[in-house]
Amino acid sequence: MKKKIEISGSLKEMVTYCTAIYEPDYAIDAEMINDVINNSPIFENKGFNTSVLGTVQKTTVNRSSKVFIKGNRVTLQVRYEILRVVDIEPTQKDEEWIQSDVQHLLKHFELLLTPLE
């Protein structure tokens, strides 16, 4: 399976984007993939209230994800938007938190595209 993954943005920019494009060399079940993405608690559009961002105060992070399928090309796009950061500067730990979440989402998404053996 061919794949390209691009992650850009940062907490300092208040947004992070991920685009993952996959082209398997086998037939995919577009209906099943759309159904899983639209109904899965893993891929749901979600707001996180977290104090992971280095402070006792709450910070809100919104994650939105969408999948697009045309032929055998499957594209997953994920956007993280920081909605509220109060009196703090984002840290490396904050960046790592979002990077970790992106990597976990991609692992679960790739499982959807991989045939069972």
PDB file of N, CA and C in Angstrom:
ATOM      1  N   MET A   1       0.856  -1.170   0.000  1.00  0.00           N
ATOM      2  CA  MET A   1       0.000   0.000   0.000  1.00  0.00           C
ATOM      3  C   MET A   1       0.899   1.229   0.000  1.00  0.00           C
ATOM      4  N   LYS A   2       0.622   2.132  -0.918  1.00  0.00           N
ATOM      5  CA  LYS A   2       1.335   3.410  -0.944  1.00  0.00           C
ATOM      6  C   LYS A   2       0.678   4.348   0.056  1.00  0.00           C
ATOM      7  N   LYS A   3       1.508   5.196   0.693  1.00  0.00           N
ATOM      8  CA  LYS A   3       0.920   6.182   1.598  1.00  0.00           C
ATOM      9  C   LYS A   3       1.810   7.403   1.699  1.00  0.00           C
ATOM     10  N   LYS A   4       1.155   8.536   1.937  1.00  0.00           N
ATOM     11  CA  LYS A   4       1.833   9.808   2.197  1.00  0.00           C
ATOM     12  C   LYS A   4       1.144  10.433   3.396  1.00  0.00           C
ATOM     13  N   ILE A   5       1.952  10.936   4.327  1.00  0.00           N
ATOM     14  CA  ILE A   5       1.393  11.569   5.522  1.00  0.00           C
ATOM     15  C   ILE A   5       2.099  12.892   5.730  1.00  0.00           C
ATOM     16  N   GLU A   6       1.315  13.936   5.946  1.00  0.00           N
ATOM     17  CA  GLU A   6       1.865  15.273   6.201  1.00  0.00           C
ATOM     18  C   GLU A   6       1.199  15.830   7.460  1.00  0.00           C
ATOM     19  N   ILE A   7       2.033  16.272   8.401  1.00  0.00           N
ATOM     20  CA  ILE A   7       1.540  16.917   9.615  1.00  0.00           C
ATOM     21  C   ILE A   7       2.159  18.303   9.657  1.00  0.00           C
ATOM     22  N   SER A   8       1.329  19.318   9.832  1.00  0.00           N
ATOM     23  CA  SER A   8       1.856  20.687   9.850  1.00  0.00           C
ATOM     24  C   SER A   8       1.116  21.508  10.895  1.00  0.00           C
ATOM     25  N   GLY A   9       1.662  22.674  11.168  1.00  0.00           N
ATOM     26  CA  GLY A   9       1.088  23.546  12.182  1.00  0.00           C
ATOM     27  C   GLY A   9       1.741  23.265  13.523  1.00  0.00           C
ATOM     28  N   SER A  10       1.295  23.995  14.526  1.00  0.00           N
ATOM     29  CA  SER A  10       1.836  23.812  15.867  1.00  0.00           C
ATOM     30  C   SER A  10       0.893  24.477  16.858  1.00  0.00           C
ATOM     31  N   LEU A  11       1.136  24.214  18.118  1.00  0.00           N
ATOM     32  CA  LEU A  11       0.306  24.849  19.138  1.00  0.00           C
ATOM     33  C   LEU A  11       0.483  26.352  19.140  1.00  0.00           C
ATOM     34  N   LYS A  12       1.703  26.811  18.839  1.00  0.00           N
ATOM     35  CA  LYS A  12       1.924  28.256  18.803  1.00  0.00           C
ATOM     36  C   LYS A  12       1.089  28.911  17.709  1.00  0.00           C
ATOM     37  N   GLU A  13       0.833  28.161  16.641  1.00  0.00           N
ATOM     38  CA  GLU A  13      -0.046  28.653  15.576  1.00  0.00           C
ATOM     39  C   GLU A  13      -1.509  28.396  15.917  1.00  0.00           C
ATOM     40  N   MET A  14      -1.744  27.694  17.026  1.00  0.00           N
ATOM     41  CA  MET A  14      -3.082  27.367  17.538  1.00  0.00           C
ATOM     42  C   MET A  14      -3.830  26.356  16.670  1.00  0.00           C
ATOM     43  N   VAL A  15      -3.141  25.680  15.765  1.00  0.00           N
ATOM     44  CA  VAL A  15      -3.785  24.663  14.935  1.00  0.00           C
ATOM     45  C   VAL A  15      -2.725  23.686  14.415  1.00  0.00           C
ATOM     46  N   THR A  16      -3.123  22.412  14.320  1.00  0.00           N
ATOM     47  CA  THR A  16      -2.277  21.380  13.731  1.00  0.00           C
ATOM     48  C   THR A  16      -3.137  20.605  12.745  1.00  0.00           C
ATOM     49  N   TYR A  17      -2.580  20.324  11.563  1.00  0.00           N
ATOM     50  CA  TYR A  17      -3.283  19.584  10.527  1.00  0.00           C
ATOM     51  C   TYR A  17      -2.549  18.287  10.234  1.00  0.00           C
ATOM     52  N   CYS A  18      -3.318  17.265   9.881  1.00  0.00           N
ATOM     53  CA  CYS A  18      -2.738  16.009   9.405  1.00  0.00           C
ATOM     54  C   CYS A  18      -3.537  15.562   8.193  1.00  0.00           C
ATOM     55  N   THR A  19      -2.837  15.267   7.106  1.00  0.00           N
ATOM     56  CA  THR A  19      -3.457  14.661   5.930  1.00  0.00           C
ATOM     57  C   THR A  19      -2.716  13.362   5.663  1.00  0.00           C
ATOM     58  N   ALA A  20      -3.471  12.272   5.586  1.00  0.00           N
ATOM     59  CA  ALA A  20      -2.900  10.955   5.302  1.00  0.00           C
ATOM     60  C   ALA A  20      -3.610  10.400   4.073  1.00  0.00           C
ATOM     61  N   ILE A  21      -2.830  10.088   3.035  1.00  0.00           N
ATOM     62  CA  ILE A  21      -3.382   9.560   1.783  1.00  0.00           C
ATOM     63  C   ILE A  21      -2.871   8.141   1.603  1.00  0.00           C
ATOM     64  N   TYR A  22      -3.788   7.232   1.339  1.00  0.00           N
ATOM     65  CA  TYR A  22      -3.449   5.822   1.162  1.00  0.00           C
ATOM     66  C   TYR A  22      -3.972   5.345  -0.175  1.00  0.00           C
ATOM     67  N   GLU A  23      -3.172   4.537  -0.862  1.00  0.00           N
ATOM     68  CA  GLU A  23      -3.585   3.896  -2.108  1.00  0.00           C
ATOM     69  C   GLU A  23      -3.250   2.416  -2.034  1.00  0.00           C
ATOM     70  N   PRO A  24      -4.188   1.624  -1.513  1.00  0.00           N
ATOM     71  CA  PRO A  24      -3.932   0.182  -1.464  1.00  0.00           C
ATOM     72  C   PRO A  24      -4.006  -0.426  -2.862  1.00  0.00           C
ATOM     73  N   ASP A  25      -3.324  -1.553  -3.046  1.00  0.00           N
ATOM     74  CA  ASP A  25      -3.350  -2.231  -4.340  1.00  0.00           C
ATOM     75  C   ASP A  25      -4.375  -3.364  -4.339  1.00  0.00           C
ATOM     76  N   TYR A  26      -5.398  -3.199  -3.517  1.00  0.00           N
ATOM     77  CA  TYR A  26      -6.500  -4.154  -3.432  1.00  0.00           C
ATOM     78  C   TYR A  26      -7.789  -3.350  -3.249  1.00  0.00           C
ATOM     79  N   ALA A  27      -8.909  -4.009  -3.486  1.00  0.00           N
ATOM     80  CA  ALA A  27     -10.210  -3.325  -3.367  1.00  0.00           C
ATOM     81  C   ALA A  27     -10.486  -2.972  -1.909  1.00  0.00           C
ATOM     82  N   ILE A  28     -11.084  -1.814  -1.706  1.00  0.00           N
ATOM     83  CA  ILE A  28     -11.464  -1.393  -0.356  1.00  0.00           C
ATOM     84  C   ILE A  28     -12.981  -1.286  -0.276  1.00  0.00           C
ATOM     85  N   ASP A  29     -13.504  -1.405   0.913  1.00  0.00           N
ATOM     86  CA  ASP A  29     -14.938  -1.296   1.146  1.00  0.00           C
ATOM     87  C   ASP A  29     -15.232   0.124   1.622  1.00  0.00           C
ATOM     88  N   ALA A  30     -15.514   1.013   0.679  1.00  0.00           N
ATOM     89  CA  ALA A  30     -15.719   2.433   0.989  1.00  0.00           C
ATOM     90  C   ALA A  30     -16.878   2.636   1.964  1.00  0.00           C
ATOM     91  N   GLU A  31     -17.946   1.880   1.796  1.00  0.00           N
ATOM     92  CA  GLU A  31     -19.104   2.029   2.678  1.00  0.00           C
ATOM     93  C   GLU A  31     -18.730   1.692   4.125  1.00  0.00           C
ATOM     94  N   MET A  32     -17.981   0.610   4.317  1.00  0.00           N
ATOM     95  CA  MET A  32     -17.575   0.206   5.659  1.00  0.00           C
ATOM     96  C   MET A  32     -16.649   1.246   6.280  1.00  0.00           C
ATOM     97  N   ILE A  33     -15.690   1.749   5.509  1.00  0.00           N
ATOM     98  CA  ILE A  33     -14.753   2.745   6.030  1.00  0.00           C
ATOM     99  C   ILE A  33     -15.495   4.017   6.431  1.00  0.00           C
ATOM    100  N   ASN A  34     -16.385   4.496   5.577  1.00  0.00           N
ATOM    101  CA  ASN A  34     -17.185   5.684   5.914  1.00  0.00           C
ATOM    102  C   ASN A  34     -18.036   5.449   7.156  1.00  0.00           C
ATOM    103  N   ASP A  35     -18.639   4.266   7.261  1.00  0.00           N
ATOM    104  CA  ASP A  35     -19.475   3.945   8.408  1.00  0.00           C
ATOM    105  C   ASP A  35     -18.662   3.962   9.699  1.00  0.00           C
ATOM    106  N   VAL A  36     -17.487   3.355   9.670  1.00  0.00           N
ATOM    107  CA  VAL A  36     -16.638   3.327  10.864  1.00  0.00           C
ATOM    108  C   VAL A  36     -16.208   4.739  11.249  1.00  0.00           C
ATOM    109  N   ILE A  37     -15.731   5.519  10.282  1.00  0.00           N
ATOM    110  CA  ILE A  37     -15.257   6.879  10.576  1.00  0.00           C
ATOM    111  C   ILE A  37     -16.401   7.742  11.123  1.00  0.00           C
ATOM    112  N   ASN A  38     -17.580   7.617  10.534  1.00  0.00           N
ATOM    113  CA  ASN A  38     -18.708   8.453  10.950  1.00  0.00           C
ATOM    114  C   ASN A  38     -19.306   8.054  12.295  1.00  0.00           C
ATOM    115  N   ASN A  39     -19.111   6.802  12.716  1.00  0.00           N
ATOM    116  CA  ASN A  39     -19.747   6.326  13.938  1.00  0.00           C
ATOM    117  C   ASN A  39     -18.785   5.908  15.035  1.00  0.00           C
ATOM    118  N   SER A  40     -17.516   5.985  14.778  1.00  0.00           N
ATOM    119  CA  SER A  40     -16.519   5.512  15.730  1.00  0.00           C
ATOM    120  C   SER A  40     -16.220   6.542  16.814  1.00  0.00           C
ATOM    121  N   PRO A  41     -16.136   6.104  18.064  1.00  0.00           N
ATOM    122  CA  PRO A  41     -15.720   7.039  19.120  1.00  0.00           C
ATOM    123  C   PRO A  41     -14.242   7.416  18.999  1.00  0.00           C
ATOM    124  N   ILE A  42     -13.472   6.651  18.260  1.00  0.00           N
ATOM    125  CA  ILE A  42     -12.044   6.968  18.077  1.00  0.00           C
ATOM    126  C   ILE A  42     -11.880   8.159  17.140  1.00  0.00           C
ATOM    127  N   PHE A  43     -12.673   8.211  16.066  1.00  0.00           N
ATOM    128  CA  PHE A  43     -12.518   9.247  15.046  1.00  0.00           C
ATOM    129  C   PHE A  43     -13.530  10.383  15.175  1.00  0.00           C
ATOM    130  N   GLU A  44     -14.357  10.353  16.211  1.00  0.00           N
ATOM    131  CA  GLU A  44     -15.401  11.370  16.326  1.00  0.00           C
ATOM    132  C   GLU A  44     -14.797  12.769  16.477  1.00  0.00           C
ATOM    133  N   ASN A  45     -15.536  13.746  15.984  1.00  0.00           N
ATOM    134  CA  ASN A  45     -15.152  15.136  16.212  1.00  0.00           C
ATOM    135  C   ASN A  45     -15.375  15.400  17.690  1.00  0.00           C
ATOM    136  N   LYS A  46     -14.338  15.893  18.354  1.00  0.00           N
ATOM    137  CA  LYS A  46     -14.386  15.909  19.803  1.00  0.00           C
ATOM    138  C   LYS A  46     -13.632  17.099  20.366  1.00  0.00           C
ATOM    139  N   GLY A  47     -14.120  17.621  21.466  1.00  0.00           N
ATOM    140  CA  GLY A  47     -13.409  18.646  22.207  1.00  0.00           C
ATOM    141  C   GLY A  47     -12.789  18.025  23.445  1.00  0.00           C
ATOM    142  N   PHE A  48     -11.543  18.349  23.702  1.00  0.00           N
ATOM    143  CA  PHE A  48     -10.848  17.859  24.891  1.00  0.00           C
ATOM    144  C   PHE A  48     -10.644  19.031  25.832  1.00  0.00           C
ATOM    145  N   ASN A  49     -11.082  18.885  27.065  1.00  0.00           N
ATOM    146  CA  ASN A  49     -10.727  19.841  28.102  1.00  0.00           C
ATOM    147  C   ASN A  49      -9.588  19.196  28.856  1.00  0.00           C
ATOM    148  N   THR A  50      -8.441  19.806  28.790  1.00  0.00           N
ATOM    149  CA  THR A  50      -7.263  19.146  29.323  1.00  0.00           C
ATOM    150  C   THR A  50      -6.377  20.094  30.099  1.00  0.00           C
ATOM    151  N   SER A  51      -5.726  19.558  31.087  1.00  0.00           N
ATOM    152  CA  SER A  51      -4.704  20.325  31.790  1.00  0.00           C
ATOM    153  C   SER A  51      -3.330  19.772  31.430  1.00  0.00           C
ATOM    154  N   VAL A  52      -3.286  18.904  30.415  1.00  0.00           N
ATOM    155  CA  VAL A  52      -2.020  18.354  29.922  1.00  0.00           C
ATOM    156  C   VAL A  52      -1.104  19.483  29.470  1.00  0.00           C
ATOM    157  N   LEU A  53      -1.685  20.598  29.088  1.00  0.00           N
ATOM    158  CA  LEU A  53      -0.909  21.677  28.493  1.00  0.00           C
ATOM    159  C   LEU A  53      -0.142  22.505  29.526  1.00  0.00           C
ATOM    160  N   GLY A  54       0.325  21.857  30.591  1.00  0.00           N
ATOM    161  CA  GLY A  54       1.279  22.487  31.488  1.00  0.00           C
ATOM    162  C   GLY A  54       0.733  23.483  32.480  1.00  0.00           C
ATOM    163  N   THR A  55      -0.546  23.407  32.821  1.00  0.00           N
ATOM    164  CA  THR A  55      -1.118  24.375  33.756  1.00  0.00           C
ATOM    165  C   THR A  55      -2.280  23.738  34.491  1.00  0.00           C
ATOM    166  N   VAL A  56      -2.649  24.308  35.605  1.00  0.00           N
ATOM    167  CA  VAL A  56      -3.824  23.847  36.329  1.00  0.00           C
ATOM    168  C   VAL A  56      -5.090  24.292  35.598  1.00  0.00           C
ATOM    169  N   GLN A  57      -4.992  25.375  34.866  1.00  0.00           N
ATOM    170  CA  GLN A  57      -6.146  25.879  34.128  1.00  0.00           C
ATOM    171  C   GLN A  57      -6.455  24.968  32.953  1.00  0.00           C
ATOM    172  N   LYS A  58      -7.720  24.912  32.626  1.00  0.00           N
ATOM    173  CA  LYS A  58      -8.159  24.054  31.524  1.00  0.00           C
ATOM    174  C   LYS A  58      -7.871  24.721  30.175  1.00  0.00           C
ATOM    175  N   THR A  59      -7.517  23.885  29.222  1.00  0.00           N
ATOM    176  CA  THR A  59      -7.328  24.321  27.848  1.00  0.00           C
ATOM    177  C   THR A  59      -8.234  23.462  26.979  1.00  0.00           C
ATOM    178  N   THR A  60      -8.880  24.047  26.003  1.00  0.00           N
ATOM    179  CA  THR A  60      -9.786  23.300  25.134  1.00  0.00           C
ATOM    180  C   THR A  60      -9.124  23.056  23.789  1.00  0.00           C
ATOM    181  N   VAL A  61      -9.103  21.780  23.385  1.00  0.00           N
ATOM    182  CA  VAL A  61      -8.566  21.376  22.090  1.00  0.00           C
ATOM    183  C   VAL A  61      -9.699  20.693  21.336  1.00  0.00           C
ATOM    184  N   ASN A  62     -10.028  21.181  20.145  1.00  0.00           N
ATOM    185  CA  ASN A  62     -11.028  20.523  19.301  1.00  0.00           C
ATOM    186  C   ASN A  62     -10.333  19.711  18.240  1.00  0.00           C
ATOM    187  N   ARG A  63     -10.777  18.463  18.078  1.00  0.00           N
ATOM    188  CA  ARG A  63     -10.259  17.609  17.008  1.00  0.00           C
ATOM    189  C   ARG A  63     -11.400  17.299  16.053  1.00  0.00           C
ATOM    190  N   SER A  64     -11.174  17.526  14.767  1.00  0.00           N
ATOM    191  CA  SER A  64     -12.148  17.212  13.722  1.00  0.00           C
ATOM    192  C   SER A  64     -11.476  16.284  12.725  1.00  0.00           C
ATOM    193  N   SER A  65     -12.213  15.267  12.263  1.00  0.00           N
ATOM    194  CA  SER A  65     -11.644  14.364  11.262  1.00  0.00           C
ATOM    195  C   SER A  65     -12.682  14.049  10.198  1.00  0.00           C
ATOM    196  N   LYS A  66     -12.191  13.882   8.983  1.00  0.00           N
ATOM    197  CA  LYS A  66     -13.041  13.519   7.838  1.00  0.00           C
ATOM    198  C   LYS A  66     -12.269  12.561   6.955  1.00  0.00           C
ATOM    199  N   VAL A  67     -13.013  11.700   6.275  1.00  0.00           N
ATOM    200  CA  VAL A  67     -12.398  10.773   5.329  1.00  0.00           C
ATOM    201  C   VAL A  67     -13.027  10.996   3.958  1.00  0.00           C
ATOM    202  N   PHE A  68     -12.194  10.869   2.933  1.00  0.00           N
ATOM    203  CA  PHE A  68     -12.633  11.021   1.543  1.00  0.00           C
ATOM    204  C   PHE A  68     -12.151   9.793   0.784  1.00  0.00           C
ATOM    205  N   ILE A  69     -13.048   9.204  -0.016  1.00  0.00           N
ATOM    206  CA  ILE A  69     -12.695   8.001  -0.766  1.00  0.00           C
ATOM    207  C   ILE A  69     -13.092   8.196  -2.219  1.00  0.00           C
ATOM    208  N   LYS A  70     -12.136   7.950  -3.106  1.00  0.00           N
ATOM    209  CA  LYS A  70     -12.410   7.973  -4.545  1.00  0.00           C
ATOM    210  C   LYS A  70     -11.595   6.849  -5.165  1.00  0.00           C
ATOM    211  N   GLY A  71     -12.296   5.871  -5.706  1.00  0.00           N
ATOM    212  CA  GLY A  71     -11.599   4.695  -6.231  1.00  0.00           C
ATOM    213  C   GLY A  71     -10.868   4.001  -5.089  1.00  0.00           C
ATOM    214  N   ASN A  72      -9.582   3.738  -5.292  1.00  0.00           N
ATOM    215  CA  ASN A  72      -8.775   3.115  -4.243  1.00  0.00           C
ATOM    216  C   ASN A  72      -7.958   4.129  -3.451  1.00  0.00           C
ATOM    217  N   ARG A  73      -8.201   5.405  -3.663  1.00  0.00           N
ATOM    218  CA  ARG A  73      -7.492   6.429  -2.903  1.00  0.00           C
ATOM    219  C   ARG A  73      -8.350   6.846  -1.711  1.00  0.00           C
ATOM    220  N   VAL A  74      -7.766   6.726  -0.522  1.00  0.00           N
ATOM    221  CA  VAL A  74      -8.461   7.062   0.722  1.00  0.00           C
ATOM    222  C   VAL A  74      -7.662   8.158   1.411  1.00  0.00           C
ATOM    223  N   THR A  75      -8.335   9.239   1.762  1.00  0.00           N
ATOM    224  CA  THR A  75      -7.679  10.365   2.420  1.00  0.00           C
ATOM    225  C   THR A  75      -8.347  10.627   3.761  1.00  0.00           C
ATOM    226  N   LEU A  76      -7.533  10.700   4.792  1.00  0.00           N
ATOM    227  CA  LEU A  76      -8.006  11.070   6.124  1.00  0.00           C
ATOM    228  C   LEU A  76      -7.405  12.422   6.457  1.00  0.00           C
ATOM    229  N   GLN A  77      -8.249  13.364   6.873  1.00  0.00           N
ATOM    230  CA  GLN A  77      -7.763  14.668   7.314  1.00  0.00           C
ATOM    231  C   GLN A  77      -8.216  14.895   8.746  1.00  0.00           C
ATOM    232  N   VAL A  78      -7.278  15.361   9.561  1.00  0.00           N
ATOM    233  CA  VAL A  78      -7.550  15.632  10.967  1.00  0.00           C
ATOM    234  C   VAL A  78      -7.049  17.034  11.272  1.00  0.00           C
ATOM    235  N   ARG A  79      -7.848  17.766  12.036  1.00  0.00           N
ATOM    236  CA  ARG A  79      -7.470  19.130  12.425  1.00  0.00           C
ATOM    237  C   ARG A  79      -7.613  19.261  13.936  1.00  0.00           C
ATOM    238  N   TYR A  80      -6.577  19.781  14.561  1.00  0.00           N
ATOM    239  CA  TYR A  80      -6.604  20.096  15.992  1.00  0.00           C
ATOM    240  C   TYR A  80      -6.566  21.605  16.115  1.00  0.00           C
ATOM    241  N   GLU A  81      -7.524  22.144  16.851  1.00  0.00           N
ATOM    242  CA  GLU A  81      -7.571  23.591  17.037  1.00  0.00           C
ATOM    243  C   GLU A  81      -7.588  23.886  18.530  1.00  0.00           C
ATOM    244  N   ILE A  82      -6.653  24.738  18.958  1.00  0.00           N
ATOM    245  CA  ILE A  82      -6.599  25.156  20.357  1.00  0.00           C
ATOM    246  C   ILE A  82      -7.564  26.330  20.499  1.00  0.00           C
ATOM    247  N   LEU A  83      -8.579  26.161  21.325  1.00  0.00           N
ATOM    248  CA  LEU A  83      -9.593  27.194  21.453  1.00  0.00           C
ATOM    249  C   LEU A  83      -9.330  28.163  22.601  1.00  0.00           C
ATOM    250  N   ARG A  84      -8.635  27.678  23.625  1.00  0.00           N
ATOM    251  CA  ARG A  84      -8.424  28.554  24.766  1.00  0.00           C
ATOM    252  C   ARG A  84      -7.117  28.192  25.462  1.00  0.00           C
ATOM    253  N   VAL A  85      -6.206  29.118  25.504  1.00  0.00           N
ATOM    254  CA  VAL A  85      -4.981  28.972  26.279  1.00  0.00           C
ATOM    255  C   VAL A  85      -4.896  30.219  27.138  1.00  0.00           C
ATOM    256  N   VAL A  86      -4.903  30.052  28.445  1.00  0.00           N
ATOM    257  CA  VAL A  86      -4.962  31.189  29.347  1.00  0.00           C
ATOM    258  C   VAL A  86      -3.617  31.376  30.047  1.00  0.00           C
ATOM    259  N   ASP A  87      -2.970  32.502  29.778  1.00  0.00           N
ATOM    260  CA  ASP A  87      -1.762  32.907  30.495  1.00  0.00           C
ATOM    261  C   ASP A  87      -0.642  31.875  30.492  1.00  0.00           C
ATOM    262  N   ILE A  88      -0.527  31.089  29.431  1.00  0.00           N
ATOM    263  CA  ILE A  88       0.584  30.138  29.358  1.00  0.00           C
ATOM    264  C   ILE A  88       1.151  30.128  27.953  1.00  0.00           C
ATOM    265  N   GLU A  89       2.356  29.671  27.853  1.00  0.00           N
ATOM    266  CA  GLU A  89       2.967  29.418  26.552  1.00  0.00           C
ATOM    267  C   GLU A  89       2.948  27.916  26.316  1.00  0.00           C
ATOM    268  N   PRO A  90       2.530  27.461  25.148  1.00  0.00           N
ATOM    269  CA  PRO A  90       2.588  26.026  24.857  1.00  0.00           C
ATOM    270  C   PRO A  90       4.026  25.519  24.982  1.00  0.00           C
ATOM    271  N   THR A  91       4.164  24.271  25.422  1.00  0.00           N
ATOM    272  CA  THR A  91       5.485  23.682  25.645  1.00  0.00           C
ATOM    273  C   THR A  91       5.696  22.493  24.713  1.00  0.00           C
ATOM    274  N   GLN A  92       6.894  21.928  24.763  1.00  0.00           N
ATOM    275  CA  GLN A  92       7.206  20.732  23.980  1.00  0.00           C
ATOM    276  C   GLN A  92       6.284  19.579  24.380  1.00  0.00           C
ATOM    277  N   LYS A  93       5.943  19.501  25.651  1.00  0.00           N
ATOM    278  CA  LYS A  93       5.035  18.445  26.123  1.00  0.00           C
ATOM    279  C   LYS A  93       3.673  18.562  25.447  1.00  0.00           C
ATOM    280  N   ASP A  94       3.228  19.791  25.212  1.00  0.00           N
ATOM    281  CA  ASP A  94       1.953  20.023  24.529  1.00  0.00           C
ATOM    282  C   ASP A  94       2.015  19.513  23.089  1.00  0.00           C
ATOM    283  N   GLU A  95       3.105  19.835  22.409  1.00  0.00           N
ATOM    284  CA  GLU A  95       3.291  19.374  21.025  1.00  0.00           C
ATOM    285  C   GLU A  95       3.296  17.844  20.982  1.00  0.00           C
ATOM    286  N   GLU A  96       3.971  17.234  21.940  1.00  0.00           N
ATOM    287  CA  GLU A  96       4.064  15.769  21.982  1.00  0.00           C
ATOM    288  C   GLU A  96       2.694  15.137  22.195  1.00  0.00           C
ATOM    289  N   TRP A  97       1.839  15.782  22.980  1.00  0.00           N
ATOM    290  CA  TRP A  97       0.502  15.251  23.231  1.00  0.00           C
ATOM    291  C   TRP A  97      -0.298  15.155  21.925  1.00  0.00           C
ATOM    292  N   ILE A  98      -0.284  16.211  21.136  1.00  0.00           N
ATOM    293  CA  ILE A  98      -1.022  16.192  19.870  1.00  0.00           C
ATOM    294  C   ILE A  98      -0.366  15.226  18.883  1.00  0.00           C
ATOM    295  N   GLN A  99       0.961  15.211  18.809  1.00  0.00           N
ATOM    296  CA  GLN A  99       1.653  14.283  17.903  1.00  0.00           C
ATOM    297  C   GLN A  99       1.316  12.834  18.263  1.00  0.00           C
ATOM    298  N   SER A 100       1.244  12.545  19.549  1.00  0.00           N
ATOM    299  CA  SER A 100       0.896  11.197  20.003  1.00  0.00           C
ATOM    300  C   SER A 100      -0.531  10.838  19.591  1.00  0.00           C
ATOM    301  N   ASP A 101      -1.454  11.763  19.745  1.00  0.00           N
ATOM    302  CA  ASP A 101      -2.836  11.511  19.358  1.00  0.00           C
ATOM    303  C   ASP A 101      -2.943  11.261  17.853  1.00  0.00           C
ATOM    304  N   VAL A 102      -2.223  12.050  17.056  1.00  0.00           N
ATOM    305  CA  VAL A 102      -2.218  11.861  15.598  1.00  0.00           C
ATOM    306  C   VAL A 102      -1.701  10.462  15.260  1.00  0.00           C
ATOM    307  N   GLN A 103      -0.592  10.067  15.858  1.00  0.00           N
ATOM    308  CA  GLN A 103       0.001   8.755  15.551  1.00  0.00           C
ATOM    309  C   GLN A 103      -0.940   7.612  15.927  1.00  0.00           C
ATOM    310  N   HIS A 104      -1.634   7.747  17.043  1.00  0.00           N
ATOM    311  CA  HIS A 104      -2.591   6.709  17.435  1.00  0.00           C
ATOM    312  C   HIS A 104      -3.770   6.638  16.463  1.00  0.00           C
ATOM    313  N   LEU A 105      -4.279   7.790  16.035  1.00  0.00           N
ATOM    314  CA  LEU A 105      -5.374   7.799  15.054  1.00  0.00           C
ATOM    315  C   LEU A 105      -4.936   7.131  13.752  1.00  0.00           C
ATOM    316  N   LEU A 106      -3.729   7.438  13.289  1.00  0.00           N
ATOM    317  CA  LEU A 106      -3.242   6.863  12.032  1.00  0.00           C
ATOM    318  C   LEU A 106      -3.098   5.341  12.134  1.00  0.00           C
ATOM    319  N   LYS A 107      -2.637   4.846  13.275  1.00  0.00           N
ATOM    320  CA  LYS A 107      -2.527   3.387  13.461  1.00  0.00           C
ATOM    321  C   LYS A 107      -3.896   2.731  13.343  1.00  0.00           C
ATOM    322  N   HIS A 108      -4.901   3.312  13.991  1.00  0.00           N
ATOM    323  CA  HIS A 108      -6.247   2.744  13.932  1.00  0.00           C
ATOM    324  C   HIS A 108      -6.830   2.850  12.528  1.00  0.00           C
ATOM    325  N   PHE A 109      -6.553   3.951  11.836  1.00  0.00           N
ATOM    326  CA  PHE A 109      -7.053   4.122  10.480  1.00  0.00           C
ATOM    327  C   PHE A 109      -6.420   3.100   9.539  1.00  0.00           C
ATOM    328  N   GLU A 110      -5.118   2.885   9.674  1.00  0.00           N
ATOM    329  CA  GLU A 110      -4.436   1.915   8.814  1.00  0.00           C
ATOM    330  C   GLU A 110      -4.963   0.498   9.024  1.00  0.00           C
ATOM    331  N   LEU A 111      -5.404   0.198  10.241  1.00  0.00           N
ATOM    332  CA  LEU A 111      -6.026  -1.110  10.479  1.00  0.00           C
ATOM    333  C   LEU A 111      -7.286  -1.284   9.634  1.00  0.00           C
ATOM    334  N   LEU A 112      -8.042  -0.196   9.452  1.00  0.00           N
ATOM    335  CA  LEU A 112      -9.259  -0.265   8.631  1.00  0.00           C
ATOM    336  C   LEU A 112      -8.942  -0.596   7.177  1.00  0.00           C
ATOM    337  N   LEU A 113      -7.788  -0.168   6.720  1.00  0.00           N
ATOM    338  CA  LEU A 113      -7.430  -0.336   5.306  1.00  0.00           C
ATOM    339  C   LEU A 113      -6.690  -1.634   5.024  1.00  0.00           C
ATOM    340  N   THR A 114      -6.250  -2.317   6.060  1.00  0.00           N
ATOM    341  CA  THR A 114      -5.447  -3.523   5.886  1.00  0.00           C
ATOM    342  C   THR A 114      -6.349  -4.750   5.860  1.00  0.00           C
ATOM    343  N   PRO A 115      -6.184  -5.605   4.841  1.00  0.00           N
ATOM    344  CA  PRO A 115      -7.017  -6.817   4.793  1.00  0.00           C
ATOM    345  C   PRO A 115      -6.653  -7.756   5.950  1.00  0.00           C
ATOM    346  N   LEU A 116      -7.657  -8.466   6.446  1.00  0.00           N
ATOM    347  CA  LEU A 116      -7.412  -9.447   7.501  1.00  0.00           C
ATOM    348  C   LEU A 116      -6.787 -10.686   6.888  1.00  0.00           C
ATOM    349  N   GLU A 117      -5.875 -11.257   7.604  1.00  0.00           N
ATOM    350  CA  GLU A 117      -5.201 -12.469   7.077  1.00  0.00           C
ATOM    351  C   GLU A 117      -5.768 -13.711   7.709  1.00  0.00           C
TER     352      GLU A 117
END
